[in-house]
Amino acid sequence: MEHRRNNGFTLIEIMIAISIFVLVTTGIISTYIMCQKSWHNTSLHMLVSQKTTISMLKIICGIGTNSGLRECRNFNLKTNVNGNWRLEFENFYNKTNWIDYNRESSNLVFWETPNNPLSKTKISDNVKCAHIIPTNKNINIAIAIQQSSGLFMHAITNTTTIRLRN
């Protein structure tokens, strides 16, 4: 009786190999998708955090050659019933600047000259809420910026107190 040698794989061996390949591939793909979602979520969180910090720095330090609230000598806060406000402040060089919060437009704007579109500089957009609480020697500021991308949404609030230098 002659024994015949089979050099190929049996059907069972091929099915087991394909099953193992499918399981490994499914695990790799699901891990990749989970990492992509995590990366996207973290990137959005970092972007919103950066926008909030930069917005607060623009309010405190100013924009360009215009000084911010850290050099504020006098200020006047005007609010309306819609939640909008305008902060008019004067520095030690008697230069007056304005910061507007518009709730409907969700933005903060820095004005070198009020209502002159050429002197308008956007501090931030996507501002969910912004509050200014003046006291005798301090200005308390809270800014919340919210942004969404795809399935993810982040909102970060940054608060600070500025002591007046007079």
N, C-alpha and C. Protein backbone atom coordinates (compact mmCIF):
# COMPACT_ATOMS: atom_id res chain seq x y z
N MET A 1 0.85 -1.16 0.00
CA MET A 1 0.00 0.00 0.00
C MET A 1 0.89 1.23 0.00
N GLU A 2 0.63 2.08 -0.89
CA GLU A 2 1.40 3.31 -0.98
C GLU A 2 0.74 4.40 -0.17
N HIS A 3 1.61 5.16 0.55
CA HIS A 3 1.07 6.32 1.29
C HIS A 3 1.28 7.57 0.44
N ARG A 4 0.25 8.24 0.29
CA ARG A 4 0.30 9.46 -0.50
C ARG A 4 0.55 10.63 0.44
N ARG A 5 1.54 11.49 0.11
CA ARG A 5 1.85 12.66 0.96
C ARG A 5 1.06 13.84 0.47
N ASN A 6 0.42 14.50 1.39
CA ASN A 6 -0.31 15.74 1.07
C ASN A 6 0.57 16.91 1.47
N ASN A 7 0.89 17.73 0.51
CA ASN A 7 1.68 18.91 0.81
C ASN A 7 0.82 20.14 1.11
N GLY A 8 -0.44 20.09 0.99
CA GLY A 8 -1.34 21.23 1.21
C GLY A 8 -1.97 21.18 2.59
N PHE A 9 -2.81 22.16 2.84
CA PHE A 9 -3.52 22.23 4.12
C PHE A 9 -4.92 21.68 3.95
N THR A 10 -5.44 21.15 5.02
CA THR A 10 -6.82 20.66 4.98
C THR A 10 -7.77 21.84 5.12
N LEU A 11 -9.01 21.60 4.81
CA LEU A 11 -10.03 22.65 4.90
C LEU A 11 -10.17 23.17 6.34
N ILE A 12 -10.08 22.31 7.31
CA ILE A 12 -10.18 22.70 8.72
C ILE A 12 -9.03 23.62 9.10
N GLU A 13 -7.83 23.30 8.67
CA GLU A 13 -6.66 24.14 8.98
C GLU A 13 -6.79 25.52 8.36
N ILE A 14 -7.29 25.60 7.14
CA ILE A 14 -7.47 26.90 6.47
C ILE A 14 -8.55 27.70 7.19
N MET A 15 -9.63 27.07 7.59
CA MET A 15 -10.71 27.79 8.31
C MET A 15 -10.21 28.30 9.67
N ILE A 16 -9.42 27.54 10.37
CA ILE A 16 -8.87 27.98 11.66
C ILE A 16 -7.93 29.16 11.44
N ALA A 17 -7.09 29.10 10.42
CA ALA A 17 -6.16 30.20 10.14
C ALA A 17 -6.92 31.48 9.76
N ILE A 18 -7.96 31.35 8.96
CA ILE A 18 -8.76 32.52 8.58
C ILE A 18 -9.47 33.10 9.80
N SER A 19 -10.00 32.25 10.67
CA SER A 19 -10.68 32.72 11.89
C SER A 19 -9.72 33.49 12.78
N ILE A 20 -8.52 32.99 12.97
CA ILE A 20 -7.52 33.69 13.79
C ILE A 20 -7.15 35.01 13.14
N PHE A 21 -6.98 35.04 11.83
CA PHE A 21 -6.65 36.27 11.10
C PHE A 21 -7.76 37.30 11.27
N VAL A 22 -9.02 36.88 11.15
CA VAL A 22 -10.16 37.79 11.31
C VAL A 22 -10.20 38.36 12.73
N LEU A 23 -9.99 37.53 13.73
CA LEU A 23 -10.01 38.01 15.12
C LEU A 23 -8.89 39.03 15.37
N VAL A 24 -7.70 38.75 14.90
CA VAL A 24 -6.58 39.68 15.09
C VAL A 24 -6.84 40.98 14.35
N THR A 25 -7.31 40.89 13.11
CA THR A 25 -7.60 42.09 12.32
C THR A 25 -8.70 42.92 12.96
N THR A 26 -9.74 42.30 13.45
CA THR A 26 -10.83 43.02 14.13
C THR A 26 -10.31 43.74 15.37
N GLY A 27 -9.47 43.08 16.13
CA GLY A 27 -8.88 43.72 17.32
C GLY A 27 -8.02 44.92 16.95
N ILE A 28 -7.22 44.79 15.91
CA ILE A 28 -6.36 45.89 15.48
C ILE A 28 -7.19 47.07 14.98
N ILE A 29 -8.21 46.79 14.18
CA ILE A 29 -9.05 47.87 13.65
C ILE A 29 -9.82 48.56 14.76
N SER A 30 -10.38 47.82 15.69
CA SER A 30 -11.13 48.45 16.79
C SER A 30 -10.20 49.28 17.68
N THR A 31 -8.98 48.83 17.90
CA THR A 31 -8.01 49.61 18.67
C THR A 31 -7.64 50.88 17.93
N TYR A 32 -7.47 50.79 16.62
CA TYR A 32 -7.16 51.97 15.81
C TYR A 32 -8.30 53.00 15.88
N ILE A 33 -9.54 52.54 15.75
CA ILE A 33 -10.70 53.45 15.81
C ILE A 33 -10.79 54.10 17.18
N MET A 34 -10.57 53.32 18.25
CA MET A 34 -10.62 53.87 19.60
C MET A 34 -9.52 54.92 19.80
N CYS A 35 -8.33 54.66 19.29
CA CYS A 35 -7.23 55.63 19.40
C CYS A 35 -7.52 56.89 18.60
N GLN A 36 -8.12 56.76 17.43
CA GLN A 36 -8.49 57.93 16.62
C GLN A 36 -9.50 58.80 17.36
N LYS A 37 -10.52 58.19 17.95
CA LYS A 37 -11.52 58.95 18.72
C LYS A 37 -10.88 59.64 19.91
N SER A 38 -10.02 58.93 20.61
CA SER A 38 -9.34 59.51 21.76
C SER A 38 -8.45 60.68 21.33
N TRP A 39 -7.74 60.53 20.23
CA TRP A 39 -6.89 61.60 19.72
C TRP A 39 -7.72 62.81 19.33
N HIS A 40 -8.83 62.60 18.64
CA HIS A 40 -9.70 63.69 18.21
C HIS A 40 -10.29 64.42 19.43
N ASN A 41 -10.73 63.66 20.42
CA ASN A 41 -11.29 64.23 21.64
C ASN A 41 -10.24 65.06 22.39
N THR A 42 -9.04 64.52 22.52
CA THR A 42 -7.96 65.22 23.22
C THR A 42 -7.54 66.47 22.45
N SER A 43 -7.47 66.38 21.13
CA SER A 43 -7.10 67.54 20.32
C SER A 43 -8.11 68.67 20.46
N LEU A 44 -9.39 68.33 20.47
CA LEU A 44 -10.43 69.35 20.65
C LEU A 44 -10.34 69.98 22.04
N HIS A 45 -10.10 69.16 23.05
CA HIS A 45 -9.95 69.68 24.41
C HIS A 45 -8.76 70.65 24.49
N MET A 46 -7.64 70.28 23.89
CA MET A 46 -6.46 71.15 23.91
C MET A 46 -6.72 72.44 23.14
N LEU A 47 -7.43 72.37 22.02
CA LEU A 47 -7.75 73.56 21.23
C LEU A 47 -8.61 74.53 22.02
N VAL A 48 -9.64 74.02 22.68
CA VAL A 48 -10.53 74.88 23.47
C VAL A 48 -9.78 75.46 24.67
N SER A 49 -8.95 74.67 25.30
CA SER A 49 -8.15 75.16 26.42
C SER A 49 -7.20 76.27 25.97
N GLN A 50 -6.57 76.08 24.82
CA GLN A 50 -5.66 77.09 24.28
C GLN A 50 -6.41 78.37 23.92
N LYS A 51 -7.57 78.24 23.29
CA LYS A 51 -8.37 79.42 22.94
C LYS A 51 -8.78 80.20 24.19
N THR A 52 -9.17 79.48 25.23
CA THR A 52 -9.59 80.14 26.47
C THR A 52 -8.43 80.88 27.11
N THR A 53 -7.27 80.25 27.16
CA THR A 53 -6.09 80.88 27.75
C THR A 53 -5.65 82.10 26.95
N ILE A 54 -5.61 81.98 25.63
CA ILE A 54 -5.18 83.10 24.79
C ILE A 54 -6.18 84.26 24.89
N SER A 55 -7.46 83.95 24.96
CA SER A 55 -8.47 85.01 25.10
C SER A 55 -8.27 85.77 26.40
N MET A 56 -8.01 85.04 27.48
CA MET A 56 -7.80 85.70 28.77
C MET A 56 -6.52 86.54 28.72
N LEU A 57 -5.47 86.04 28.09
CA LEU A 57 -4.24 86.82 27.97
C LEU A 57 -4.44 88.09 27.16
N LYS A 58 -5.24 88.01 26.10
CA LYS A 58 -5.52 89.21 25.30
C LYS A 58 -6.28 90.25 26.11
N ILE A 59 -7.17 89.81 26.97
CA ILE A 59 -7.90 90.75 27.81
C ILE A 59 -6.97 91.36 28.85
N ILE A 60 -6.13 90.56 29.45
CA ILE A 60 -5.25 91.04 30.52
C ILE A 60 -4.09 91.86 29.97
N CYS A 61 -3.39 91.35 28.98
CA CYS A 61 -2.17 92.00 28.48
C CYS A 61 -2.42 92.95 27.33
N GLY A 62 -3.54 92.81 26.64
CA GLY A 62 -3.83 93.67 25.51
C GLY A 62 -3.48 93.01 24.20
N ILE A 63 -3.74 93.75 23.12
CA ILE A 63 -3.49 93.25 21.77
C ILE A 63 -2.60 94.25 21.06
N GLY A 64 -1.49 93.77 20.55
CA GLY A 64 -0.56 94.66 19.84
C GLY A 64 -0.01 95.72 20.77
N THR A 65 -0.14 96.98 20.36
CA THR A 65 0.37 98.09 21.18
C THR A 65 -0.66 98.59 22.18
N ASN A 66 -1.84 98.00 22.18
CA ASN A 66 -2.90 98.42 23.10
C ASN A 66 -2.78 97.64 24.40
N SER A 67 -2.73 98.36 25.49
CA SER A 67 -2.60 97.70 26.78
C SER A 67 -3.93 97.11 27.20
N GLY A 68 -3.85 96.06 27.97
CA GLY A 68 -5.04 95.39 28.46
C GLY A 68 -5.40 95.86 29.87
N LEU A 69 -6.16 95.02 30.54
CA LEU A 69 -6.67 95.39 31.85
C LEU A 69 -5.60 95.44 32.94
N ARG A 70 -4.45 94.85 32.71
CA ARG A 70 -3.43 94.89 33.77
C ARG A 70 -2.89 96.30 33.97
N GLU A 71 -3.05 97.17 32.97
CA GLU A 71 -2.64 98.57 33.11
C GLU A 71 -3.84 99.49 33.29
N CYS A 72 -4.95 98.93 33.70
CA CYS A 72 -6.19 99.69 33.86
C CYS A 72 -6.10 100.63 35.07
N ARG A 73 -6.48 101.85 34.82
CA ARG A 73 -6.54 102.84 35.90
C ARG A 73 -7.98 103.09 36.31
N ASN A 74 -8.84 103.29 35.33
CA ASN A 74 -10.27 103.51 35.56
C ASN A 74 -11.04 102.63 34.59
N PHE A 75 -12.25 102.24 34.98
CA PHE A 75 -13.07 101.45 34.07
C PHE A 75 -14.54 101.78 34.28
N ASN A 76 -15.32 101.46 33.27
CA ASN A 76 -16.76 101.64 33.32
C ASN A 76 -17.39 100.44 32.63
N LEU A 77 -18.27 99.76 33.31
CA LEU A 77 -18.93 98.58 32.77
C LEU A 77 -20.37 98.91 32.46
N LYS A 78 -20.78 98.64 31.19
CA LYS A 78 -22.16 98.85 30.77
C LYS A 78 -22.73 97.50 30.35
N THR A 79 -23.89 97.16 30.89
CA THR A 79 -24.54 95.90 30.56
C THR A 79 -25.94 96.17 30.03
N ASN A 80 -26.52 95.18 29.37
CA ASN A 80 -27.92 95.28 28.98
C ASN A 80 -28.65 94.00 29.37
N VAL A 81 -29.95 93.96 29.13
CA VAL A 81 -30.76 92.83 29.59
C VAL A 81 -30.48 91.55 28.81
N ASN A 82 -29.87 91.64 27.64
CA ASN A 82 -29.56 90.45 26.84
C ASN A 82 -28.33 89.70 27.34
N GLY A 83 -27.62 90.26 28.30
CA GLY A 83 -26.39 89.63 28.79
C GLY A 83 -25.15 90.16 28.11
N ASN A 84 -25.30 91.09 27.17
CA ASN A 84 -24.15 91.72 26.53
C ASN A 84 -23.55 92.76 27.46
N TRP A 85 -22.26 93.02 27.31
CA TRP A 85 -21.63 94.07 28.09
C TRP A 85 -20.50 94.73 27.32
N ARG A 86 -20.18 95.94 27.74
CA ARG A 86 -19.04 96.68 27.20
C ARG A 86 -18.23 97.20 28.39
N LEU A 87 -16.95 96.89 28.37
CA LEU A 87 -16.04 97.38 29.40
C LEU A 87 -15.16 98.45 28.77
N GLU A 88 -15.31 99.65 29.27
CA GLU A 88 -14.48 100.77 28.81
C GLU A 88 -13.42 100.99 29.89
N PHE A 89 -12.16 101.00 29.49
CA PHE A 89 -11.11 101.17 30.49
C PHE A 89 -10.03 102.11 29.98
N GLU A 90 -9.42 102.78 30.94
CA GLU A 90 -8.39 103.78 30.64
C GLU A 90 -7.10 103.36 31.33
N ASN A 91 -5.98 103.50 30.60
CA ASN A 91 -4.70 103.14 31.20
C ASN A 91 -3.99 104.38 31.74
N PHE A 92 -2.77 104.21 32.18
CA PHE A 92 -2.03 105.32 32.80
C PHE A 92 -1.61 106.39 31.80
N TYR A 93 -1.70 106.08 30.52
CA TYR A 93 -1.35 107.06 29.49
C TYR A 93 -2.59 107.76 28.95
N ASN A 94 -3.70 107.62 29.68
CA ASN A 94 -4.99 108.21 29.35
C ASN A 94 -5.54 107.71 28.01
N LYS A 95 -5.14 106.53 27.61
CA LYS A 95 -5.68 105.93 26.40
C LYS A 95 -6.84 105.03 26.80
N THR A 96 -7.96 105.18 26.10
CA THR A 96 -9.17 104.43 26.41
C THR A 96 -9.38 103.34 25.37
N ASN A 97 -9.69 102.14 25.84
CA ASN A 97 -10.01 101.00 24.99
C ASN A 97 -11.31 100.38 25.48
N TRP A 98 -11.90 99.54 24.63
CA TRP A 98 -13.16 98.90 24.96
C TRP A 98 -13.08 97.42 24.66
N ILE A 99 -13.76 96.64 25.49
CA ILE A 99 -13.94 95.21 25.23
C ILE A 99 -15.44 94.95 25.27
N ASP A 100 -15.94 94.35 24.19
CA ASP A 100 -17.36 94.03 24.08
C ASP A 100 -17.58 92.53 24.12
N TYR A 101 -18.61 92.13 24.85
CA TYR A 101 -19.07 90.76 24.80
C TYR A 101 -20.46 90.77 24.19
N ASN A 102 -20.64 90.04 23.09
CA ASN A 102 -21.93 89.94 22.43
C ASN A 102 -22.41 88.50 22.56
N ARG A 103 -23.44 88.31 23.34
CA ARG A 103 -23.94 86.97 23.62
C ARG A 103 -24.52 86.31 22.37
N GLU A 104 -25.24 87.08 21.54
CA GLU A 104 -25.86 86.51 20.34
C GLU A 104 -24.79 86.07 19.34
N SER A 105 -23.73 86.84 19.19
CA SER A 105 -22.65 86.48 18.26
C SER A 105 -21.64 85.54 18.89
N SER A 106 -21.72 85.33 20.18
CA SER A 106 -20.80 84.47 20.93
C SER A 106 -19.35 84.88 20.74
N ASN A 107 -19.08 86.19 20.86
CA ASN A 107 -17.69 86.62 20.68
C ASN A 107 -17.32 87.75 21.63
N LEU A 108 -16.01 87.89 21.79
CA LEU A 108 -15.41 89.00 22.52
C LEU A 108 -14.60 89.81 21.52
N VAL A 109 -14.76 91.15 21.58
CA VAL A 109 -14.10 92.03 20.62
C VAL A 109 -13.38 93.13 21.37
N PHE A 110 -12.16 93.44 20.93
CA PHE A 110 -11.36 94.53 21.49
C PHE A 110 -11.46 95.72 20.52
N TRP A 111 -11.83 96.88 21.04
CA TRP A 111 -11.95 98.09 20.22
C TRP A 111 -10.93 99.11 20.66
N GLU A 112 -10.15 99.59 19.73
CA GLU A 112 -9.26 100.71 20.02
C GLU A 112 -10.05 102.02 19.98
N THR A 113 -10.98 102.10 19.03
CA THR A 113 -11.91 103.22 18.92
C THR A 113 -13.30 102.61 18.80
N PRO A 114 -14.25 103.03 19.64
CA PRO A 114 -15.55 102.35 19.63
C PRO A 114 -16.28 102.51 18.30
N ASN A 115 -16.89 101.42 17.87
CA ASN A 115 -17.72 101.36 16.67
C ASN A 115 -16.99 101.74 15.38
N ASN A 116 -15.67 101.73 15.39
CA ASN A 116 -14.88 101.93 14.19
C ASN A 116 -14.42 100.55 13.73
N PRO A 117 -14.98 100.04 12.62
CA PRO A 117 -14.64 98.67 12.21
C PRO A 117 -13.15 98.45 11.96
N LEU A 118 -12.40 99.49 11.64
CA LEU A 118 -10.97 99.33 11.40
C LEU A 118 -10.19 99.10 12.68
N SER A 119 -10.74 99.51 13.82
CA SER A 119 -10.02 99.34 15.08
C SER A 119 -10.50 98.12 15.86
N LYS A 120 -11.34 97.32 15.24
CA LYS A 120 -11.92 96.15 15.90
C LYS A 120 -11.00 94.94 15.73
N THR A 121 -10.71 94.25 16.84
CA THR A 121 -9.92 93.03 16.81
C THR A 121 -10.66 91.97 17.61
N LYS A 122 -10.88 90.82 16.99
CA LYS A 122 -11.60 89.76 17.69
C LYS A 122 -10.68 89.12 18.71
N ILE A 123 -11.16 89.04 19.93
CA ILE A 123 -10.43 88.34 20.99
C ILE A 123 -10.70 86.85 20.87
N SER A 124 -11.98 86.49 20.74
CA SER A 124 -12.32 85.07 20.62
C SER A 124 -13.74 84.93 20.09
N ASP A 125 -13.97 83.80 19.45
CA ASP A 125 -15.32 83.41 19.09
C ASP A 125 -15.67 82.16 19.88
N ASN A 126 -16.86 81.65 19.69
CA ASN A 126 -17.36 80.48 20.43
C ASN A 126 -17.40 80.72 21.93
N VAL A 127 -17.64 81.96 22.34
CA VAL A 127 -17.71 82.29 23.77
C VAL A 127 -19.11 81.94 24.27
N LYS A 128 -19.18 80.94 25.11
CA LYS A 128 -20.47 80.52 25.64
C LYS A 128 -21.01 81.55 26.62
N CYS A 129 -20.14 82.02 27.50
CA CYS A 129 -20.53 83.09 28.41
C CYS A 129 -19.28 83.81 28.90
N ALA A 130 -19.47 85.07 29.23
CA ALA A 130 -18.38 85.89 29.76
C ALA A 130 -18.97 86.80 30.82
N HIS A 131 -18.35 86.79 31.99
CA HIS A 131 -18.84 87.61 33.09
C HIS A 131 -17.72 88.49 33.61
N ILE A 132 -18.06 89.72 33.91
CA ILE A 132 -17.13 90.63 34.57
C ILE A 132 -17.82 91.15 35.82
N ILE A 133 -17.14 91.01 36.95
CA ILE A 133 -17.68 91.49 38.21
C ILE A 133 -16.69 92.49 38.78
N PRO A 134 -17.00 93.78 38.68
CA PRO A 134 -16.09 94.79 39.23
C PRO A 134 -16.30 94.98 40.72
N THR A 135 -15.20 95.20 41.42
CA THR A 135 -15.25 95.60 42.83
C THR A 135 -14.44 96.89 42.95
N ASN A 136 -14.19 97.34 44.16
CA ASN A 136 -13.47 98.60 44.34
C ASN A 136 -12.08 98.58 43.74
N LYS A 137 -11.31 97.54 44.00
CA LYS A 137 -9.93 97.50 43.53
C LYS A 137 -9.62 96.33 42.61
N ASN A 138 -10.64 95.56 42.26
CA ASN A 138 -10.42 94.37 41.44
C ASN A 138 -11.45 94.29 40.32
N ILE A 139 -11.08 93.55 39.29
CA ILE A 139 -12.02 93.15 38.25
C ILE A 139 -11.93 91.63 38.14
N ASN A 140 -13.05 90.95 38.40
CA ASN A 140 -13.11 89.50 38.29
C ASN A 140 -13.68 89.14 36.92
N ILE A 141 -13.00 88.27 36.21
CA ILE A 141 -13.40 87.90 34.86
C ILE A 141 -13.53 86.39 34.78
N ALA A 142 -14.62 85.93 34.13
CA ALA A 142 -14.81 84.51 33.84
C ALA A 142 -15.23 84.38 32.38
N ILE A 143 -14.52 83.52 31.64
CA ILE A 143 -14.81 83.29 30.23
C ILE A 143 -14.98 81.79 30.03
N ALA A 144 -16.07 81.41 29.36
CA ALA A 144 -16.29 80.01 29.00
C ALA A 144 -16.36 79.92 27.48
N ILE A 145 -15.49 79.11 26.92
CA ILE A 145 -15.48 78.90 25.47
C ILE A 145 -15.90 77.46 25.21
N GLN A 146 -16.82 77.31 24.26
CA GLN A 146 -17.34 75.99 23.92
C GLN A 146 -17.17 75.76 22.43
N GLN A 147 -16.71 74.59 22.08
CA GLN A 147 -16.54 74.25 20.68
C GLN A 147 -16.87 72.78 20.49
N SER A 148 -17.50 72.47 19.35
CA SER A 148 -17.81 71.07 19.06
C SER A 148 -17.24 70.70 17.71
N SER A 149 -16.95 69.43 17.58
CA SER A 149 -16.42 68.89 16.33
C SER A 149 -16.87 67.44 16.24
N GLY A 150 -17.71 67.16 15.26
CA GLY A 150 -18.22 65.80 15.13
C GLY A 150 -19.06 65.40 16.33
N LEU A 151 -18.69 64.30 16.96
CA LEU A 151 -19.43 63.81 18.12
C LEU A 151 -18.98 64.44 19.43
N PHE A 152 -17.91 65.22 19.38
CA PHE A 152 -17.30 65.72 20.61
C PHE A 152 -17.60 67.19 20.81
N MET A 153 -17.75 67.58 22.08
CA MET A 153 -17.94 68.98 22.45
C MET A 153 -17.19 69.23 23.76
N HIS A 154 -16.49 70.36 23.80
CA HIS A 154 -15.79 70.73 25.01
C HIS A 154 -16.10 72.17 25.35
N ALA A 155 -16.21 72.44 26.64
CA ALA A 155 -16.38 73.79 27.14
C ALA A 155 -15.42 73.95 28.31
N ILE A 156 -14.64 75.01 28.26
CA ILE A 156 -13.67 75.27 29.32
C ILE A 156 -13.87 76.68 29.83
N THR A 157 -13.85 76.84 31.13
CA THR A 157 -14.01 78.14 31.76
C THR A 157 -12.69 78.54 32.39
N ASN A 158 -12.32 79.79 32.17
CA ASN A 158 -11.10 80.35 32.74
C ASN A 158 -11.49 81.58 33.53
N THR A 159 -11.04 81.69 34.76
CA THR A 159 -11.36 82.84 35.60
C THR A 159 -10.07 83.47 36.12
N THR A 160 -10.15 84.76 36.37
CA THR A 160 -9.01 85.46 36.95
C THR A 160 -9.50 86.72 37.65
N THR A 161 -8.65 87.25 38.50
CA THR A 161 -8.91 88.52 39.18
C THR A 161 -7.76 89.46 38.84
N ILE A 162 -8.13 90.65 38.41
CA ILE A 162 -7.13 91.67 38.07
C ILE A 162 -7.22 92.77 39.11
N ARG A 163 -6.12 93.04 39.74
CA ARG A 163 -6.06 94.11 40.73
C ARG A 163 -5.71 95.41 40.03
N LEU A 164 -6.51 96.44 40.28
CA LEU A 164 -6.27 97.74 39.66
C LEU A 164 -5.05 98.40 40.28
N ARG A 165 -4.32 99.14 39.46
CA ARG A 165 -3.06 99.74 39.91
C ARG A 165 -3.18 101.22 40.23
N ASN A 166 -4.18 101.61 40.94
CA ASN A 166 -4.28 103.03 41.29
C ASN A 166 -4.29 103.24 42.78
